[in-house]
């Protein structure tokens, strides 16, 4: 029996006519801080996830058509959603926007046959916009979605719909026919803060990649959005800092004690050994009033002579010359590893002793067991107020967070400047 061919694509004119996005809106939104944008992305995707669910392949019913039919029929009879759910989500830099747009796809799942579905593609700049809809599977045509990139590196959502019909053959026999295919391509990108359709002839496509069902991308995108939502920005540098840390983190920023690489990576993130070295050097420069290079030159330290085989950081080399760090053995510093609280306070103590001639030894008042080599430095930090502990303990093996590091440096600066500057 001959079936009617079908292919659907939302009329772009209607979408774009109703779209209230302008360059001014986009700029105002961006100036308010990207975290607000990412929070809106997250909320929008979560609404879709909550409504449609997250598809997890493989479905245990894949090899059992009766089970698929019965399950979907029961859902439909109860007026429940019967499709595959949100099947893809990505953050992609489209067009001229400084921020990535959220693109997600969900399958509506009409009918009991797994291969007969509608699929909807949503894009998000400052609100969710239905960009395309298409019929998938069966012998009635279909629709595919690609990410296309032109020679200038501009990205487009590329929607290809295709359809076919039967053309009778010359013999007149009802079984004598040929398939006639037709295709339609539509490209979307972002211009002036709005999703925009772009004529194919205006694009010189360099490469394309097919968007396939990838439920894992939904989880990955949600995780990425959560991370971006907590990252500080130029407009909101304290985003992500804990309530107990905000005041002193802000003062550390104002004092210039937090390197940019740390200030933008997230206050609740673990402090890497490379970041800790940068922070200690910033503290030394602020306390001494000298640059790293000038400080080293006075002492004849060659900062181009890397002291470890796994990093060429001038800050790390400086601290090795100063006896503040000895690395992790085997001529390695392990810049990507994290520091714990005892290790960082020890670095502060050695800095005070070796560079400023400050006695940094005192009895450790905290009851929780600490490494022997850190005991006196923890005591010094407690005596001077560099650390207050928490709940009566110091938690020496706790992994250091960026916000904790910023506070330690700020408090150390206030202690040391009174000694070094004679204030």
Protein backbone atom coordinates (compact mmCIF):
# COMPACT_ATOMS: atom_id res chain seq x y z
CA UNK A 1 0.00 0.00 0.00
CA UNK A 2 1.35 3.41 -0.97
CA UNK A 3 1.99 5.73 1.99
CA UNK A 4 1.76 9.46 1.97
CA UNK A 5 5.14 11.19 2.12
CA UNK A 6 5.60 13.60 4.99
CA UNK A 7 8.23 16.07 6.16
CA UNK A 8 7.75 18.98 8.56
CA UNK A 9 9.77 22.11 9.28
CA UNK A 10 8.52 25.01 11.33
CA UNK A 11 7.93 28.18 9.31
CA UNK A 12 10.83 30.41 10.24
CA UNK A 13 9.05 33.61 9.39
CA UNK A 14 6.59 33.02 12.21
CA UNK A 15 9.31 32.18 14.68
CA UNK A 16 11.50 35.13 13.83
CA UNK A 17 8.56 37.55 13.71
CA UNK A 18 7.68 36.57 17.26
CA UNK A 19 11.28 36.69 18.48
CA UNK A 20 11.84 39.69 20.77
CA UNK A 21 15.64 39.43 20.80
CA UNK A 22 17.74 42.39 19.76
CA UNK A 23 21.40 43.34 19.91
CA UNK A 24 20.60 45.72 22.76
CA UNK A 25 18.90 42.94 24.72
CA UNK A 26 21.84 40.62 24.15
CA UNK A 27 24.39 43.24 25.20
CA UNK A 28 22.39 44.17 28.29
CA UNK A 29 22.12 40.53 29.24
CA UNK A 30 25.82 39.94 28.76
CA UNK A 31 26.73 43.06 30.72
CA UNK A 32 24.72 41.74 33.65
CA UNK A 33 27.15 38.84 33.88
CA UNK A 34 27.28 35.55 32.01
CA UNK A 35 26.35 33.56 35.11
CA UNK A 36 22.77 34.84 34.76
CA UNK A 37 22.72 33.55 31.19
CA UNK A 38 24.03 30.15 32.19
CA UNK A 39 21.51 29.94 35.02
CA UNK A 40 18.72 30.63 32.52
CA UNK A 41 20.15 27.95 30.20
CA UNK A 42 20.24 25.49 33.07
CA UNK A 43 16.67 26.22 34.16
CA UNK A 44 15.39 25.89 30.61
CA UNK A 45 17.06 22.56 30.03
CA UNK A 46 15.96 21.28 33.43
CA UNK A 47 12.35 22.13 32.56
CA UNK A 48 12.67 20.01 29.42
CA UNK A 49 14.40 17.21 31.31
CA UNK A 50 11.71 17.24 34.00
CA UNK A 51 8.92 17.25 31.44
CA UNK A 52 10.28 14.74 28.96
CA UNK A 53 12.86 12.75 30.88
CA UNK A 54 16.37 11.75 29.85
CA UNK A 55 16.66 8.91 27.40
CA UNK A 56 19.12 6.21 28.45
CA UNK A 57 20.20 3.88 25.69
CA UNK A 58 19.98 1.00 25.18
CA UNK A 59 16.33 0.59 26.08
CA UNK A 60 15.81 -2.94 27.47
CA UNK A 61 12.72 -3.18 25.24
CA UNK A 62 14.66 -2.64 22.02
CA UNK A 63 14.57 -6.32 21.11
CA UNK A 64 10.98 -6.85 22.18
CA UNK A 65 8.50 -5.09 19.88
CA UNK A 66 5.50 -6.34 21.88
CA UNK A 67 6.87 -4.80 25.06
CA UNK A 68 7.53 -1.50 23.28
CA UNK A 69 4.02 -1.47 21.85
CA UNK A 70 2.37 -2.32 25.17
CA UNK A 71 4.40 0.22 27.13
CA UNK A 72 3.79 3.07 24.71
CA UNK A 73 0.13 2.20 24.25
CA UNK A 74 -0.40 2.28 28.00
CA UNK A 75 1.28 5.67 28.27
CA UNK A 76 -0.78 7.09 25.43
CA UNK A 77 -4.03 5.74 26.86
CA UNK A 78 -3.15 7.53 30.11
CA UNK A 79 -2.33 10.69 28.14
CA UNK A 80 1.28 10.36 29.24
CA UNK A 81 4.37 11.26 27.27
CA UNK A 82 5.43 8.23 25.24
CA UNK A 83 8.59 9.32 23.47
CA UNK A 84 12.31 9.08 24.00
CA UNK A 85 12.79 12.28 26.00
CA UNK A 86 15.56 14.84 25.77
CA UNK A 87 18.07 13.11 23.55
CA UNK A 88 20.80 15.72 23.08
CA UNK A 89 22.05 18.96 24.61
CA UNK A 90 25.08 21.09 23.80
CA UNK A 91 26.53 24.53 24.42
CA UNK A 92 27.79 25.83 21.08
CA UNK A 93 29.20 29.19 19.98
CA UNK A 94 26.98 30.21 17.08
CA UNK A 95 27.50 33.25 14.90
CA UNK A 96 28.66 36.51 16.44
CA UNK A 97 27.76 35.87 20.07
CA UNK A 98 30.37 36.13 22.82
CA UNK A 99 28.54 33.46 24.82
CA UNK A 100 27.60 29.93 23.76
CA UNK A 101 23.97 29.15 23.00
CA UNK A 102 22.13 26.20 24.43
CA UNK A 103 20.91 23.76 21.78
CA UNK A 104 18.82 20.79 22.80
CA UNK A 105 16.70 18.20 21.02
CA UNK A 106 13.82 16.09 22.23
CA UNK A 107 11.78 13.39 20.57
CA UNK A 108 8.03 13.46 21.00
CA UNK A 109 7.58 9.76 20.25
CA UNK A 110 4.21 9.56 18.59
CA UNK A 111 3.05 6.06 17.82
CA UNK A 112 4.11 2.68 19.19
CA UNK A 113 6.84 2.11 16.58
CA UNK A 114 10.25 3.20 17.74
CA UNK A 115 11.26 4.46 14.32
CA UNK A 116 8.25 6.76 13.86
CA UNK A 117 8.77 9.94 15.83
CA UNK A 118 8.69 13.68 15.63
CA UNK A 119 11.81 15.47 16.74
CA UNK A 120 12.00 19.06 17.96
CA UNK A 121 15.11 21.26 18.04
CA UNK A 122 15.25 24.15 20.47
CA UNK A 123 17.81 26.91 20.63
CA UNK A 124 18.24 29.34 23.48
CA UNK A 125 19.75 32.84 23.62
CA UNK A 126 17.57 34.64 26.16
CA UNK A 127 14.53 32.42 25.71
CA UNK A 128 13.85 28.99 24.26
CA UNK A 129 12.90 29.13 20.58
CA UNK A 130 11.66 26.20 18.53
CA UNK A 131 14.02 26.18 15.57
CA UNK A 132 12.90 23.11 13.70
CA UNK A 133 10.65 20.10 13.81
CA UNK A 134 10.92 17.06 11.62
CA UNK A 135 9.49 13.64 10.99
CA UNK A 136 11.89 10.78 11.64
CA UNK A 137 11.95 7.24 10.31
CA UNK A 138 9.52 4.94 8.55
CA UNK A 139 9.32 4.98 4.77
CA UNK A 140 7.97 8.51 4.64
CA UNK A 141 11.05 10.67 4.50
CA UNK A 142 12.82 12.22 7.42
CA UNK A 143 14.90 15.02 8.84
CA UNK A 144 18.52 15.22 9.96
CA UNK A 145 20.34 17.87 11.99
CA UNK A 146 23.96 18.89 11.65
CA UNK A 147 26.36 21.45 13.05
CA UNK A 148 27.98 23.12 10.07
CA UNK A 149 31.07 25.33 10.19
CA UNK A 150 32.07 27.76 7.46
CA UNK A 151 35.59 28.72 6.43
CA UNK A 152 35.50 31.65 8.88
CA UNK A 153 34.74 29.35 11.81
CA UNK A 154 31.12 30.45 12.17
CA UNK A 155 28.80 27.68 13.36
CA UNK A 156 25.32 26.96 12.03
CA UNK A 157 22.55 24.56 12.92
CA UNK A 158 21.94 22.81 9.63
CA UNK A 159 18.52 21.23 9.21
CA UNK A 160 18.12 18.87 6.25
CA UNK A 161 14.66 17.53 5.51
CA UNK A 162 14.19 14.97 2.82
CA UNK A 163 11.19 13.30 1.29
CA UNK A 164 10.38 10.88 -1.47
CA UNK A 165 7.41 9.75 -3.46
CA UNK A 166 6.69 6.97 -5.92
CA UNK A 167 6.70 7.75 -9.64
CA UNK A 168 4.94 5.17 -11.85
CA UNK A 169 7.21 3.35 -14.27
CA UNK A 170 6.77 3.15 -18.06
CA UNK A 171 5.03 -0.24 -18.06
CA UNK A 172 2.01 0.97 -16.14
CA UNK A 173 2.36 -1.98 -13.79
CA UNK A 174 1.42 -0.97 -10.23
CA UNK A 175 4.66 -2.53 -9.01
CA UNK A 176 6.73 -0.62 -11.55
CA UNK A 177 7.85 2.66 -9.89
CA UNK A 178 10.82 4.84 -9.15
CA UNK A 179 11.61 6.82 -6.02
CA UNK A 180 11.71 10.60 -6.43
CA UNK A 181 13.70 12.36 -3.70
CA UNK A 182 13.50 16.00 -2.67
CA UNK A 183 15.62 17.83 -0.13
CA UNK A 184 15.35 21.09 1.76
CA UNK A 185 18.16 22.71 3.73
CA UNK A 186 17.83 25.44 6.33
CA UNK A 187 20.71 27.02 8.25
CA UNK A 188 20.38 28.83 11.59
CA UNK A 189 22.93 30.96 13.37
CA UNK A 190 22.95 33.81 15.88
CA UNK A 191 23.20 37.40 14.69
CA UNK A 192 22.72 40.44 16.91
CA UNK A 193 21.50 38.26 19.73
CA UNK A 194 18.79 36.49 17.74
CA UNK A 195 18.49 33.14 15.99
CA UNK A 196 18.50 33.86 12.28
CA UNK A 197 17.93 31.79 9.15
CA UNK A 198 20.77 32.16 6.63
CA UNK A 199 20.39 31.39 2.88
CA UNK A 200 22.48 28.43 1.82
CA UNK A 201 24.06 30.39 -1.01
CA UNK A 202 25.51 32.86 1.52
CA UNK A 203 27.51 30.19 3.31
CA UNK A 204 30.76 28.51 2.34
CA UNK A 205 30.58 25.39 4.51
CA UNK A 206 33.87 23.81 5.44
CA UNK A 207 32.66 20.83 7.45
CA UNK A 208 29.56 19.35 9.06
CA UNK A 209 28.85 16.88 11.81
CA UNK A 210 25.65 14.96 12.29
CA UNK A 211 23.75 15.41 15.55
CA UNK A 212 22.85 11.92 16.65
CA UNK A 213 20.94 10.77 19.70
CA UNK A 214 23.35 11.22 22.59
CA UNK A 215 21.60 11.23 25.98
CA UNK A 216 24.94 11.50 27.75
CA UNK A 217 25.34 15.01 26.37
CA UNK A 218 22.35 16.10 28.46
CA UNK A 219 24.04 15.11 31.69
CA UNK A 220 27.35 16.57 30.55
CA UNK A 221 25.71 19.86 29.59
CA UNK A 222 23.83 20.09 32.88
CA UNK A 223 27.12 19.52 34.70
CA UNK A 224 28.89 22.12 32.56
CA UNK A 225 26.12 24.65 33.19
CA UNK A 226 26.33 24.08 36.94
CA UNK A 227 30.06 24.77 36.73
CA UNK A 228 29.61 27.92 34.65
CA UNK A 229 26.90 29.20 36.97
CA UNK A 230 29.37 29.23 39.87
CA UNK A 231 32.30 30.83 38.03
CA UNK A 232 33.16 34.43 38.87
CA UNK A 233 32.92 37.05 36.13
CA UNK A 234 34.24 40.57 35.71
CA UNK A 235 30.79 41.89 36.61
CA UNK A 236 30.32 39.55 39.56
CA UNK A 237 33.75 38.46 40.84
CA UNK A 238 32.35 36.93 44.01
CA UNK A 239 30.00 34.49 42.28
CA UNK A 240 30.36 31.06 43.84
CA UNK A 241 32.09 32.21 47.03
CA UNK A 242 30.59 30.81 50.24
CA UNK A 243 28.74 33.25 52.51
CA UNK A 244 31.40 32.91 55.21
CA UNK A 245 34.14 33.73 52.69
CA UNK A 246 32.65 36.62 50.69
CA UNK A 247 33.88 39.51 52.84
CA UNK A 248 37.53 38.48 53.05
CA UNK A 249 37.67 37.16 49.48
CA UNK A 250 36.48 40.57 48.31
CA UNK A 251 39.18 42.27 50.39
CA UNK A 252 41.81 39.89 48.99
CA UNK A 253 40.73 40.84 45.48
CA UNK A 254 40.85 44.55 46.31
CA UNK A 255 44.34 44.13 47.74
CA UNK A 256 45.56 42.47 44.54
CA UNK A 257 46.39 39.22 46.29
CA UNK A 258 44.48 36.90 43.94
CA UNK A 259 45.93 36.20 40.46
CA UNK A 260 43.41 36.42 37.61
CA UNK A 261 43.77 32.72 36.80
CA UNK A 262 42.53 31.89 40.29
CA UNK A 263 39.87 34.60 40.55
CA UNK A 264 38.09 33.30 37.46
CA UNK A 265 38.34 29.56 38.03
CA UNK A 266 35.74 29.22 40.80
CA UNK A 267 36.05 29.95 44.51
CA UNK A 268 34.92 26.51 45.62
CA UNK A 269 37.41 24.75 43.33
CA UNK A 270 40.42 22.88 44.64
CA UNK A 271 43.58 24.95 44.60
CA UNK A 272 46.20 23.43 42.33
CA UNK A 273 49.85 23.50 43.27
CA UNK A 274 50.50 25.82 40.31
CA UNK A 275 47.78 28.22 41.51
CA UNK A 276 49.13 28.12 45.06
CA UNK A 277 52.58 29.13 43.82
CA UNK A 278 51.08 32.06 41.90
CA UNK A 279 49.17 33.18 45.00
CA UNK A 280 52.23 32.97 47.28
CA UNK A 281 54.27 35.02 44.79
CA UNK A 282 51.49 37.65 44.56
CA UNK A 283 51.56 37.84 48.37
CA UNK A 284 55.35 38.24 48.36
CA UNK A 285 55.20 41.01 45.76
CA UNK A 286 52.52 42.93 47.66
CA UNK A 287 54.30 42.55 50.99
CA UNK A 288 57.77 43.45 49.71
CA UNK A 289 56.70 46.10 47.22
CA UNK A 290 58.97 44.45 44.65
CA UNK A 291 58.26 42.52 41.49
CA UNK A 292 59.12 38.85 41.26
CA UNK A 293 61.98 39.57 38.85
CA UNK A 294 63.47 42.35 40.98
CA UNK A 295 63.22 40.27 44.14
CA UNK A 296 64.99 37.36 42.41
CA UNK A 297 67.64 39.56 40.80
CA UNK A 298 68.71 40.95 44.17
CA UNK A 299 69.40 37.40 45.31
CA UNK A 300 70.99 36.19 42.07
CA UNK A 301 68.23 33.69 41.30
CA UNK A 302 67.92 32.79 37.62
CA UNK A 303 64.17 32.30 37.07
CA UNK A 304 64.76 30.92 33.58
CA UNK A 305 66.58 27.97 35.14
CA UNK A 306 63.62 25.68 35.73
CA UNK A 307 63.95 23.86 39.03
CA UNK A 308 61.51 21.08 38.14
CA UNK A 309 61.12 18.96 35.02
CA UNK A 310 57.32 19.20 34.83
CA UNK A 311 56.80 22.99 34.93
CA UNK A 312 58.48 26.12 33.60
CA UNK A 313 56.55 28.42 35.96
CA UNK A 314 58.68 31.35 37.14
CA UNK A 315 56.66 31.42 40.35
CA UNK A 316 57.48 27.79 41.12
CA UNK A 317 61.16 28.29 40.28
CA UNK A 318 61.24 31.35 42.56
CA UNK A 319 59.72 29.42 45.47
CA UNK A 320 62.18 26.58 44.96
CA UNK A 321 65.12 29.01 45.19
CA UNK A 322 63.51 30.54 48.30
CA UNK A 323 63.14 27.16 50.00
CA UNK A 324 59.38 27.54 50.20
CA UNK A 325 58.74 24.36 48.21
CA UNK A 326 60.82 21.27 47.57
CA UNK A 327 58.45 19.64 45.11
CA UNK A 328 57.18 16.09 45.31
CA UNK A 329 60.42 14.23 44.67
CA UNK A 330 61.97 12.95 41.48
CA UNK A 331 62.54 16.52 40.26
CA UNK A 332 58.75 16.94 39.97
CA UNK A 333 56.48 19.71 41.23
CA UNK A 334 53.13 18.20 40.03
CA UNK A 335 51.55 21.58 39.15
CA UNK A 336 48.11 20.12 38.48
CA UNK A 337 47.79 18.34 41.81
CA UNK A 338 45.96 19.93 44.73
CA UNK A 339 47.32 21.29 48.01
CA UNK A 340 45.86 20.47 51.39
CA UNK A 341 45.48 23.02 54.17
CA UNK A 342 48.56 21.90 56.10
CA UNK A 343 50.78 22.12 53.01
CA UNK A 344 49.66 25.63 52.16
CA UNK A 345 50.02 26.96 55.70
CA UNK A 346 53.51 25.43 55.71
CA UNK A 347 54.31 27.37 52.52
CA UNK A 348 53.15 30.55 54.23
CA UNK A 349 55.34 29.82 57.25
CA UNK A 350 58.42 29.15 55.14
CA UNK A 351 57.77 32.33 53.16
CA UNK A 352 57.63 34.36 56.38
CA UNK A 353 60.87 32.82 57.63
CA UNK A 354 62.94 32.64 54.45
CA UNK A 355 61.96 35.89 52.77
CA UNK A 356 60.95 38.25 55.55
CA UNK A 357 62.90 36.94 58.54
CA UNK A 358 59.74 36.40 60.60
CA UNK A 359 59.67 33.76 63.29
CA UNK A 360 56.86 31.46 62.10
CA UNK A 361 57.05 28.71 64.74
CA UNK A 362 54.52 28.19 67.50
CA UNK A 363 52.66 25.42 69.32
CA UNK A 364 49.72 23.95 67.43
CA UNK A 365 46.55 24.50 69.49
CA UNK A 366 44.31 22.27 67.41
CA UNK A 367 43.53 18.73 68.66
CA UNK A 368 43.34 17.00 65.28
CA UNK A 369 46.53 15.24 64.26
CA UNK A 370 48.71 17.05 61.71
CA UNK A 371 51.94 16.13 59.89
CA UNK A 372 54.96 16.69 62.11
CA UNK A 373 56.59 19.06 59.64
CA UNK A 374 53.46 21.27 59.62
CA UNK A 375 52.76 21.44 63.37
CA UNK A 376 54.75 24.59 64.16
CA UNK A 377 53.52 26.43 61.05
CA UNK A 378 49.89 25.64 61.88
CA UNK A 379 50.59 26.95 65.37
CA UNK A 380 52.00 30.19 63.92
CA UNK A 381 49.00 30.60 61.64
CA UNK A 382 46.64 30.10 64.58
CA UNK A 383 48.58 32.46 66.87
CA UNK A 384 48.54 35.28 64.31
CA UNK A 385 44.95 34.77 63.17
CA UNK A 386 45.87 33.57 59.69
CA UNK A 387 43.70 30.57 60.46
CA UNK A 388 40.79 30.33 62.86
CA UNK A 389 40.09 26.68 62.24
CA UNK A 390 36.53 25.41 62.07
CA UNK A 391 34.59 23.74 64.85
CA UNK A 392 37.67 23.68 67.04
CA UNK A 393 39.83 21.76 64.54
CA UNK A 394 42.16 22.72 61.70
CA UNK A 395 41.44 19.86 59.24
CA UNK A 396 45.05 19.72 57.98
CA UNK A 397 44.39 17.10 55.30
CA UNK A 398 41.36 18.89 53.89
CA UNK A 399 41.86 19.88 50.26
CA UNK A 400 42.45 23.61 49.98
CA UNK A 401 39.81 25.64 48.12
CA UNK A 402 40.54 28.85 46.24
CA UNK A 403 38.41 30.88 48.65
CA UNK A 404 40.34 29.49 51.63
CA UNK A 405 43.63 30.25 49.93
CA UNK A 406 42.57 33.83 49.21
CA UNK A 407 41.61 34.33 52.85
CA UNK A 408 44.88 32.83 54.14
CA UNK A 409 46.85 35.18 51.89
CA UNK A 410 44.80 38.21 52.89
CA UNK A 411 45.27 37.54 56.59
CA UNK A 412 48.99 36.81 56.15
CA UNK A 413 49.39 40.10 54.26
CA UNK A 414 47.81 42.04 57.11
CA UNK A 415 50.16 40.37 59.61
CA UNK A 416 53.33 40.69 57.57
CA UNK A 417 52.89 44.25 56.31
CA UNK A 418 52.90 45.53 59.86
CA UNK A 419 56.27 43.85 60.38
CA UNK A 420 57.88 44.49 56.98
CA UNK A 421 56.58 48.04 56.58
CA UNK A 422 57.04 48.90 60.23
CA UNK A 423 53.43 50.02 60.44
